[in-house]
PDB file of N, CA and C in Angstrom:
ATOM      1  N   MET A   1     163.432  72.155-234.101  1.00  0.00           N
ATOM      2  CA  MET A   1     162.185  71.692-233.525  1.00  0.00           C
ATOM      3  C   MET A   1     161.337  71.069-234.637  1.00  0.00           C
ATOM      4  N   THR A   2     160.907  69.847-234.464  1.00  0.00           N
ATOM      5  CA  THR A   2     160.103  69.182-235.483  1.00  0.00           C
ATOM      6  C   THR A   2     158.656  69.146-235.047  1.00  0.00           C
ATOM      7  N   LYS A   3     157.792  69.304-236.028  1.00  0.00           N
ATOM      8  CA  LYS A   3     156.362  69.215-235.751  1.00  0.00           C
ATOM      9  C   LYS A   3     155.923  67.773-235.936  1.00  0.00           C
ATOM     10  N   ARG A   4     155.051  67.355-235.062  1.00  0.00           N
ATOM     11  CA  ARG A   4     154.501  66.002-235.213  1.00  0.00           C
ATOM     12  C   ARG A   4     153.378  66.045-236.234  1.00  0.00           C
ATOM     13  N   ALA A   5     153.305  65.042-237.040  1.00  0.00           N
ATOM     14  CA  ALA A   5     152.215  64.939-238.002  1.00  0.00           C
ATOM     15  C   ALA A   5     150.913  64.718-237.246  1.00  0.00           C
ATOM     16  N   ALA A   6     149.859  65.301-237.742  1.00  0.00           N
ATOM     17  CA  ALA A   6     148.558  65.131-237.095  1.00  0.00           C
ATOM     18  C   ALA A   6     148.157  63.663-237.163  1.00  0.00           C
ATOM     19  N   ARG A   7     147.733  63.154-236.044  1.00  0.00           N
ATOM     20  CA  ARG A   7     147.337  61.747-235.962  1.00  0.00           C
ATOM     21  C   ARG A   7     145.879  61.624-236.383  1.00  0.00           C
ATOM     22  N   ALA A   8     145.612  60.703-237.256  1.00  0.00           N
ATOM     23  CA  ALA A   8     144.236  60.456-237.674  1.00  0.00           C
ATOM     24  C   ALA A   8     143.464  59.880-236.498  1.00  0.00           C
ATOM     25  N   ALA A   9     142.233  60.302-236.356  1.00  0.00           N
ATOM     26  CA  ALA A   9     141.397  59.794-235.267  1.00  0.00           C
ATOM     27  C   ALA A   9     141.155  58.305-235.468  1.00  0.00           C
ATOM     28  N   ARG A  10     141.336  57.566-234.395  1.00  0.00           N
ATOM     29  CA  ARG A  10     141.121  56.125-234.455  1.00  0.00           C
ATOM     30  C   ARG A  10     140.103  55.747-233.398  1.00  0.00           C
ATOM     31  N   THR A  11     139.397  54.688-233.658  1.00  0.00           N
ATOM     32  CA  THR A  11     138.456  54.182-232.666  1.00  0.00           C
ATOM     33  C   THR A  11     138.857  52.758-232.313  1.00  0.00           C
ATOM     34  N   PHE A  12     138.622  52.426-231.070  1.00  0.00           N
ATOM     35  CA  PHE A  12     138.947  51.096-230.574  1.00  0.00           C
ATOM     36  C   PHE A  12     137.686  50.487-229.977  1.00  0.00           C
ATOM     37  N   THR A  13     137.531  49.203-230.144  1.00  0.00           N
ATOM     38  CA  THR A  13     136.358  48.528-229.587  1.00  0.00           C
ATOM     39  C   THR A  13     136.487  48.443-228.064  1.00  0.00           C
ATOM     40  N   ASP A  14     135.355  48.297-227.420  1.00  0.00           N
ATOM     41  CA  ASP A  14     135.363  48.118-225.966  1.00  0.00           C
ATOM     42  C   ASP A  14     136.128  46.856-225.582  1.00  0.00           C
ATOM     43  N   GLU A  15     136.026  45.825-226.420  1.00  0.00           N
ATOM     44  CA  GLU A  15     136.729  44.569-226.139  1.00  0.00           C
ATOM     45  C   GLU A  15     138.248  44.789-226.146  1.00  0.00           C
ATOM     46  N   PHE A  16     138.723  45.572-227.112  1.00  0.00           N
ATOM     47  CA  PHE A  16     140.150  45.865-227.185  1.00  0.00           C
ATOM     48  C   PHE A  16     140.587  46.639-225.944  1.00  0.00           C
ATOM     49  N   LYS A  17     139.800  47.641-225.572  1.00  0.00           N
ATOM     50  CA  LYS A  17     140.131  48.448-224.393  1.00  0.00           C
ATOM     51  C   LYS A  17     140.160  47.578-223.137  1.00  0.00           C
ATOM     52  N   GLU A  18     139.173  46.683-223.003  1.00  0.00           N
ATOM     53  CA  GLU A  18     139.140  45.779-221.851  1.00  0.00           C
ATOM     54  C   GLU A  18     140.380  44.903-221.806  1.00  0.00           C
ATOM     55  N   GLN A  19     140.774  44.392-222.960  1.00  0.00           N
ATOM     56  CA  GLN A  19     141.946  43.522-223.025  1.00  0.00           C
ATOM     57  C   GLN A  19     143.212  44.285-222.638  1.00  0.00           C
ATOM     58  N   VAL A  20     143.366  45.496-223.125  1.00  0.00           N
ATOM     59  CA  VAL A  20     144.536  46.308-222.793  1.00  0.00           C
ATOM     60  C   VAL A  20     144.566  46.597-221.295  1.00  0.00           C
ATOM     61  N   VAL A  21     143.420  46.989-220.733  1.00  0.00           N
ATOM     62  CA  VAL A  21     143.355  47.285-219.290  1.00  0.00           C
ATOM     63  C   VAL A  21     143.673  46.038-218.483  1.00  0.00           C
ATOM     64  N   ARG A  22     143.132  44.895-218.889  1.00  0.00           N
ATOM     65  CA  ARG A  22     143.384  43.642-218.165  1.00  0.00           C
ATOM     66  C   ARG A  22     144.876  43.304-218.171  1.00  0.00           C
ATOM     67  N   LEU A  23     145.512  43.445-219.339  1.00  0.00           N
ATOM     68  CA  LEU A  23     146.952  43.177-219.425  1.00  0.00           C
ATOM     69  C   LEU A  23     147.743  44.149-218.552  1.00  0.00           C
ATOM     70  N   TYR A  24     147.326  45.413-218.543  1.00  0.00           N
ATOM     71  CA  TYR A  24     147.996  46.416-217.708  1.00  0.00           C
ATOM     72  C   TYR A  24     147.867  46.042-216.226  1.00  0.00           C
ATOM     73  N   LEU A  25     146.661  45.661-215.812  1.00  0.00           N
ATOM     74  CA  LEU A  25     146.436  45.309-214.406  1.00  0.00           C
ATOM     75  C   LEU A  25     147.198  44.036-214.019  1.00  0.00           C
ATOM     76  N   ASN A  26     147.512  43.205-215.006  1.00  0.00           N
ATOM     77  CA  ASN A  26     148.296  42.000-214.748  1.00  0.00           C
ATOM     78  C   ASN A  26     149.796  42.257-214.801  1.00  0.00           C
ATOM     79  N   GLY A  27     150.189  43.524-214.983  1.00  0.00           N
ATOM     80  CA  GLY A  27     151.601  43.856-214.851  1.00  0.00           C
ATOM     81  C   GLY A  27     152.361  44.258-216.093  1.00  0.00           C
ATOM     82  N   LYS A  28     151.729  44.255-217.244  1.00  0.00           N
ATOM     83  CA  LYS A  28     152.448  44.664-218.456  1.00  0.00           C
ATOM     84  C   LYS A  28     152.710  46.171-218.382  1.00  0.00           C
ATOM     85  N   PRO A  29     153.925  46.621-218.631  1.00  0.00           N
ATOM     86  CA  PRO A  29     154.272  48.046-218.517  1.00  0.00           C
ATOM     87  C   PRO A  29     153.524  48.930-219.519  1.00  0.00           C
ATOM     88  N   ARG A  30     153.156  50.126-219.050  1.00  0.00           N
ATOM     89  CA  ARG A  30     152.440  51.095-219.894  1.00  0.00           C
ATOM     90  C   ARG A  30     153.194  51.395-221.176  1.00  0.00           C
ATOM     91  N   VAL A  31     154.496  51.563-221.049  1.00  0.00           N
ATOM     92  CA  VAL A  31     155.301  51.935-222.208  1.00  0.00           C
ATOM     93  C   VAL A  31     155.197  50.883-223.308  1.00  0.00           C
ATOM     94  N   ASP A  32     155.027  49.618-222.940  1.00  0.00           N
ATOM     95  CA  ASP A  32     154.879  48.553-223.932  1.00  0.00           C
ATOM     96  C   ASP A  32     153.593  48.732-224.744  1.00  0.00           C
ATOM     97  N   PHE A  33     152.492  49.082-224.073  1.00  0.00           N
ATOM     98  CA  PHE A  33     151.224  49.306-224.773  1.00  0.00           C
ATOM     99  C   PHE A  33     151.332  50.487-225.720  1.00  0.00           C
ATOM    100  N   ILE A  34     151.918  51.550-225.209  1.00  0.00           N
ATOM    101  CA  ILE A  34     152.011  52.779-225.989  1.00  0.00           C
ATOM    102  C   ILE A  34     152.817  52.536-227.256  1.00  0.00           C
ATOM    103  N   ARG A  35     153.914  51.827-227.120  1.00  0.00           N
ATOM    104  CA  ARG A  35     154.757  51.524-228.285  1.00  0.00           C
ATOM    105  C   ARG A  35     154.101  50.500-229.212  1.00  0.00           C
ATOM    106  N   GLU A  36     153.637  49.421-228.630  1.00  0.00           N
ATOM    107  CA  GLU A  36     153.114  48.303-229.422  1.00  0.00           C
ATOM    108  C   GLU A  36     151.866  48.677-230.220  1.00  0.00           C
ATOM    109  N   TYR A  37     150.956  49.433-229.610  1.00  0.00           N
ATOM    110  CA  TYR A  37     149.688  49.763-230.270  1.00  0.00           C
ATOM    111  C   TYR A  37     149.629  51.211-230.735  1.00  0.00           C
ATOM    112  N   ASP A  38     150.737  51.953-230.607  1.00  0.00           N
ATOM    113  CA  ASP A  38     150.804  53.358-231.000  1.00  0.00           C
ATOM    114  C   ASP A  38     149.677  54.151-230.337  1.00  0.00           C
ATOM    115  N   LEU A  39     149.545  53.961-229.029  1.00  0.00           N
ATOM    116  CA  LEU A  39     148.518  54.659-228.245  1.00  0.00           C
ATOM    117  C   LEU A  39     149.107  55.937-227.657  1.00  0.00           C
ATOM    118  N   THR A  40     148.218  56.854-227.324  1.00  0.00           N
ATOM    119  CA  THR A  40     148.672  58.021-226.577  1.00  0.00           C
ATOM    120  C   THR A  40     148.609  57.660-225.099  1.00  0.00           C
ATOM    121  N   PRO A  41     149.524  58.194-224.302  1.00  0.00           N
ATOM    122  CA  PRO A  41     149.489  57.913-222.869  1.00  0.00           C
ATOM    123  C   PRO A  41     148.155  58.332-222.236  1.00  0.00           C
ATOM    124  N   SER A  42     147.588  59.431-222.715  1.00  0.00           N
ATOM    125  CA  SER A  42     146.320  59.902-222.129  1.00  0.00           C
ATOM    126  C   SER A  42     145.177  58.937-222.422  1.00  0.00           C
ATOM    127  N   ALA A  43     145.165  58.325-223.602  1.00  0.00           N
ATOM    128  CA  ALA A  43     144.108  57.358-223.927  1.00  0.00           C
ATOM    129  C   ALA A  43     144.187  56.149-223.005  1.00  0.00           C
ATOM    130  N   LEU A  44     145.394  55.645-222.810  1.00  0.00           N
ATOM    131  CA  LEU A  44     145.563  54.488-221.928  1.00  0.00           C
ATOM    132  C   LEU A  44     145.144  54.830-220.498  1.00  0.00           C
ATOM    133  N   THR A  45     145.561  55.990-220.026  1.00  0.00           N
ATOM    134  CA  THR A  45     145.179  56.421-218.674  1.00  0.00           C
ATOM    135  C   THR A  45     143.659  56.543-218.554  1.00  0.00           C
ATOM    136  N   ARG A  46     143.024  57.128-219.566  1.00  0.00           N
ATOM    137  CA  ARG A  46     141.563  57.297-219.545  1.00  0.00           C
ATOM    138  C   ARG A  46     140.872  55.945-219.491  1.00  0.00           C
ATOM    139  N   TRP A  47     141.332  54.982-220.303  1.00  0.00           N
ATOM    140  CA  TRP A  47     140.723  53.651-220.305  1.00  0.00           C
ATOM    141  C   TRP A  47     140.860  52.980-218.939  1.00  0.00           C
ATOM    142  N   ILE A  48     142.024  53.096-218.342  1.00  0.00           N
ATOM    143  CA  ILE A  48     142.256  52.488-217.029  1.00  0.00           C
ATOM    144  C   ILE A  48     141.330  53.115-215.992  1.00  0.00           C
ATOM    145  N   ASN A  49     141.243  54.443-215.996  1.00  0.00           N
ATOM    146  CA  ASN A  49     140.386  55.146-215.036  1.00  0.00           C
ATOM    147  C   ASN A  49     138.915  54.825-215.247  1.00  0.00           C
ATOM    148  N   GLN A  50     138.484  54.761-216.501  1.00  0.00           N
ATOM    149  CA  GLN A  50     137.093  54.427-216.786  1.00  0.00           C
ATOM    150  C   GLN A  50     136.770  53.007-216.337  1.00  0.00           C
ATOM    151  N   SER A  51     137.683  52.100-216.579  1.00  0.00           N
ATOM    152  CA  SER A  51     137.473  50.707-216.190  1.00  0.00           C
ATOM    153  C   SER A  51     137.356  50.586-214.669  1.00  0.00           C
ATOM    154  N   ARG A  52     138.213  51.293-213.970  1.00  0.00           N
ATOM    155  CA  ARG A  52     138.175  51.246-212.502  1.00  0.00           C
ATOM    156  C   ARG A  52     136.931  51.918-211.942  1.00  0.00           C
ATOM    157  N   ALA A  53     136.519  53.038-212.555  1.00  0.00           N
ATOM    158  CA  ALA A  53     135.402  53.819-212.012  1.00  0.00           C
ATOM    159  C   ALA A  53     134.056  53.150-212.255  1.00  0.00           C
ATOM    160  N   THR A  54     133.787  52.767-213.506  1.00  0.00           N
ATOM    161  CA  THR A  54     132.457  52.257-213.832  1.00  0.00           C
ATOM    162  C   THR A  54     132.469  50.926-214.562  1.00  0.00           C
ATOM    163  N   GLY A  55     133.614  50.539-215.068  1.00  0.00           N
ATOM    164  CA  GLY A  55     133.674  49.320-215.857  1.00  0.00           C
ATOM    165  C   GLY A  55     133.177  49.525-217.279  1.00  0.00           C
ATOM    166  N   SER A  56     132.868  50.768-217.621  1.00  0.00           N
ATOM    167  CA  SER A  56     132.361  51.083-218.951  1.00  0.00           C
ATOM    168  C   SER A  56     133.284  52.087-219.621  1.00  0.00           C
ATOM    169  N   PHE A  57     133.369  51.995-220.951  1.00  0.00           N
ATOM    170  CA  PHE A  57     134.202  52.924-221.700  1.00  0.00           C
ATOM    171  C   PHE A  57     133.361  53.971-222.419  1.00  0.00           C
ATOM    172  N   LYS A  58     132.064  53.987-222.192  1.00  0.00           N
ATOM    173  CA  LYS A  58     131.178  54.959-222.821  1.00  0.00           C
ATOM    174  C   LYS A  58     131.225  56.272-222.030  1.00  0.00           C
ATOM    175  N   ALA A  59     131.327  57.374-222.750  1.00  0.00           N
ATOM    176  CA  ALA A  59     131.465  58.688-222.115  1.00  0.00           C
ATOM    177  C   ALA A  59     130.279  58.984-221.188  1.00  0.00           C
ATOM    178  N   ALA A  60     129.074  58.631-221.608  1.00  0.00           N
ATOM    179  CA  ALA A  60     127.891  58.927-220.804  1.00  0.00           C
ATOM    180  C   ALA A  60     127.908  58.194-219.466  1.00  0.00           C
ATOM    181  N   ASP A  61     128.523  57.025-219.435  1.00  0.00           N
ATOM    182  CA  ASP A  61     128.589  56.252-218.193  1.00  0.00           C
ATOM    183  C   ASP A  61     129.655  56.788-217.241  1.00  0.00           C
ATOM    184  N   ASN A  62     130.557  57.612-217.741  1.00  0.00           N
ATOM    185  CA  ASN A  62     131.682  58.080-216.944  1.00  0.00           C
ATOM    186  C   ASN A  62     131.613  59.567-216.621  1.00  0.00           C
ATOM    187  N   LEU A  63     130.419  60.138-216.679  1.00  0.00           N
ATOM    188  CA  LEU A  63     130.258  61.545-216.335  1.00  0.00           C
ATOM    189  C   LEU A  63     130.302  61.723-214.819  1.00  0.00           C
ATOM    190  N   SER A  64     130.816  62.860-214.394  1.00  0.00           N
ATOM    191  CA  SER A  64     130.774  63.182-212.972  1.00  0.00           C
ATOM    192  C   SER A  64     129.333  63.515-212.610  1.00  0.00           C
ATOM    193  N   ASP A  65     129.035  63.551-211.323  1.00  0.00           N
ATOM    194  CA  ASP A  65     127.679  63.892-210.885  1.00  0.00           C
ATOM    195  C   ASP A  65     127.289  65.280-211.383  1.00  0.00           C
ATOM    196  N   GLU A  66     128.231  66.220-211.337  1.00  0.00           N
ATOM    197  CA  GLU A  66     127.955  67.587-211.780  1.00  0.00           C
ATOM    198  C   GLU A  66     127.695  67.623-213.288  1.00  0.00           C
ATOM    199  N   ALA A  67     128.482  66.912-214.060  1.00  0.00           N
ATOM    200  CA  ALA A  67     128.302  66.893-215.510  1.00  0.00           C
ATOM    201  C   ALA A  67     126.974  66.234-215.878  1.00  0.00           C
ATOM    202  N   ARG A  68     126.624  65.179-215.163  1.00  0.00           N
ATOM    203  CA  ARG A  68     125.345  64.502-215.402  1.00  0.00           C
ATOM    204  C   ARG A  68     124.183  65.445-215.075  1.00  0.00           C
ATOM    205  N   GLU A  69     124.291  66.166-213.954  1.00  0.00           N
ATOM    206  CA  GLU A  69     123.241  67.105-213.571  1.00  0.00           C
ATOM    207  C   GLU A  69     123.127  68.236-214.596  1.00  0.00           C
ATOM    208  N   LEU A  70     124.259  68.754-215.059  1.00  0.00           N
ATOM    209  CA  LEU A  70     124.255  69.818-216.059  1.00  0.00           C
ATOM    210  C   LEU A  70     123.596  69.338-217.348  1.00  0.00           C
ATOM    211  N   ARG A  71     123.927  68.128-217.779  1.00  0.00           N
ATOM    212  CA  ARG A  71     123.312  67.559-218.985  1.00  0.00           C
ATOM    213  C   ARG A  71     121.800  67.461-218.819  1.00  0.00           C
ATOM    214  N   ASP A  72     121.354  66.978-217.657  1.00  0.00           N
ATOM    215  CA  ASP A  72     119.928  66.832-217.406  1.00  0.00           C
ATOM    216  C   ASP A  72     119.229  68.185-217.333  1.00  0.00           C
ATOM    217  N   LEU A  73     119.877  69.167-216.720  1.00  0.00           N
ATOM    218  CA  LEU A  73     119.274  70.495-216.623  1.00  0.00           C
ATOM    219  C   LEU A  73     119.165  71.157-217.995  1.00  0.00           C
ATOM    220  N   ARG A  74     120.169  70.980-218.832  1.00  0.00           N
ATOM    221  CA  ARG A  74     120.101  71.535-220.190  1.00  0.00           C
ATOM    222  C   ARG A  74     118.967  70.896-220.975  1.00  0.00           C
ATOM    223  N   LYS A  75     118.793  69.606-220.803  1.00  0.00           N
ATOM    224  CA  LYS A  75     117.697  68.899-221.477  1.00  0.00           C
ATOM    225  C   LYS A  75     116.352  69.442-220.992  1.00  0.00           C
ATOM    226  N   GLN A  76     116.254  69.667-219.688  1.00  0.00           N
ATOM    227  CA  GLN A  76     115.020  70.196-219.117  1.00  0.00           C
ATOM    228  C   GLN A  76     114.743  71.611-219.626  1.00  0.00           C
ATOM    229  N   VAL A  77     115.770  72.444-219.737  1.00  0.00           N
ATOM    230  CA  VAL A  77     115.601  73.807-220.255  1.00  0.00           C
ATOM    231  C   VAL A  77     115.090  73.758-221.689  1.00  0.00           C
ATOM    232  N   ARG A  78     115.674  72.894-222.524  1.00  0.00           N
ATOM    233  CA  ARG A  78     115.200  72.773-223.916  1.00  0.00           C
ATOM    234  C   ARG A  78     113.733  72.367-223.958  1.00  0.00           C
ATOM    235  N   GLN A  79     113.343  71.423-223.102  1.00  0.00           N
ATOM    236  CA  GLN A  79     111.958  70.959-223.050  1.00  0.00           C
ATOM    237  C   GLN A  79     111.033  72.099-222.636  1.00  0.00           C
ATOM    238  N   LEU A  80     111.412  72.854-221.606  1.00  0.00           N
ATOM    239  CA  LEU A  80     110.583  73.969-221.127  1.00  0.00           C
ATOM    240  C   LEU A  80     110.485  75.078-222.173  1.00  0.00           C
ATOM    241  N   GLU A  81     111.581  75.337-222.898  1.00  0.00           N
ATOM    242  CA  GLU A  81     111.537  76.350-223.958  1.00  0.00           C
ATOM    243  C   GLU A  81     110.587  75.930-225.071  1.00  0.00           C
ATOM    244  N   MET A  82     110.593  74.635-225.426  1.00  0.00           N
ATOM    245  CA  MET A  82     109.657  74.142-226.445  1.00  0.00           C
ATOM    246  C   MET A  82     108.219  74.301-225.977  1.00  0.00           C
ATOM    247  N   GLU A  83     107.953  73.925-224.733  1.00  0.00           N
ATOM    248  CA  GLU A  83     106.599  74.038-224.190  1.00  0.00           C
ATOM    249  C   GLU A  83     106.158  75.496-224.158  1.00  0.00           C
ATOM    250  N   ASN A  84     107.066  76.386-223.792  1.00  0.00           N
ATOM    251  CA  ASN A  84     106.762  77.810-223.744  1.00  0.00           C
ATOM    252  C   ASN A  84     106.420  78.340-225.144  1.00  0.00           C
ATOM    253  N   ASP A  85     107.182  77.931-226.149  1.00  0.00           N
ATOM    254  CA  ASP A  85     106.904  78.347-227.528  1.00  0.00           C
ATOM    255  C   ASP A  85     105.538  77.856-227.984  1.00  0.00           C
ATOM    256  N   ILE A  86     105.190  76.626-227.628  1.00  0.00           N
ATOM    257  CA  ILE A  86     103.881  76.071-227.991  1.00  0.00           C
ATOM    258  C   ILE A  86     102.767  76.881-227.337  1.00  0.00           C
ATOM    259  N   LEU A  87     102.948  77.223-226.062  1.00  0.00           N
ATOM    260  CA  LEU A  87     101.926  78.013-225.367  1.00  0.00           C
ATOM    261  C   LEU A  87     101.787  79.405-225.974  1.00  0.00           C
ATOM    262  N   LYS A  88     102.897  80.003-226.383  1.00  0.00           N
ATOM    263  CA  LYS A  88     102.837  81.321-227.024  1.00  0.00           C
ATOM    264  C   LYS A  88     102.058  81.245-228.334  1.00  0.00           C
ATOM    265  N   GLN A  89     102.333  80.200-229.125  1.00  0.00           N
ATOM    266  CA  GLN A  89     101.617  80.022-230.387  1.00  0.00           C
ATOM    267  C   GLN A  89     100.125  79.795-230.138  1.00  0.00           C
ATOM    268  N   ALA A  90      99.805  78.999-229.128  1.00  0.00           N
ATOM    269  CA  ALA A  90      98.404  78.740-228.795  1.00  0.00           C
ATOM    270  C   ALA A  90      97.717  80.037-228.352  1.00  0.00           C
ATOM    271  N   ALA A  91      98.383  80.866-227.581  1.00  0.00           N
ATOM    272  CA  ALA A  91      97.808  82.135-227.140  1.00  0.00           C
ATOM    273  C   ALA A  91      97.540  83.046-228.331  1.00  0.00           C
ATOM    274  N   LEU A  92      98.442  83.068-229.306  1.00  0.00           N
ATOM    275  CA  LEU A  92      98.239  83.890-230.503  1.00  0.00           C
ATOM    276  C   LEU A  92      97.038  83.399-231.299  1.00  0.00           C
ATOM    277  N   ILE A  93      96.916  82.090-231.423  1.00  0.00           N
ATOM    278  CA  ILE A  93      95.789  81.513-232.175  1.00  0.00           C
ATOM    279  C   ILE A  93      94.481  81.798-231.474  1.00  0.00           C
ATOM    280  N   ILE A  94      94.422  81.630-230.182  1.00  0.00           N
ATOM    281  CA  ILE A  94      93.206  81.869-229.404  1.00  0.00           C
ATOM    282  C   ILE A  94      92.872  83.359-229.409  1.00  0.00           C
ATOM    283  N   GLY A  95      93.897  84.207-229.370  1.00  0.00           N
ATOM    284  CA  GLY A  95      93.670  85.654-229.385  1.00  0.00           C
ATOM    285  C   GLY A  95      93.073  86.160-230.679  1.00  0.00           C
ATOM    286  N   ARG A  96      93.255  85.464-231.779  1.00  0.00           N
ATOM    287  CA  ARG A  96      92.704  85.867-233.065  1.00  0.00           C
ATOM    288  C   ARG A  96      91.214  85.578-233.184  1.00  0.00           C
ATOM    289  N   LYS A  97      90.745  84.646-232.392  1.00  0.00           N
ATOM    290  CA  LYS A  97      89.340  84.229-232.511  1.00  0.00           C
ATOM    291  C   LYS A  97      88.404  85.178-231.828  1.00  0.00           C
TER     292      LYS A  97
END
């Protein structure tokens, strides 16, 4: 059993991803992309799905409704915790006077 060497993280431009997806939709086989550009099958699948769903390759644009709501709720909780801390500090200051 051989271990695969760890693959260095690579980034691809949105233009490159668009071009790959366009070629795929025009009939070029997946295996050709994977071999030619040394892509992982999951990356190619993700790009195709993102292109079909939103036309964007940015993670924030491709969140599910639940993930988007969770992100917004976490942001709101952080904001409320900050406001609560400020009010506690103000109460301590006013209580000293």
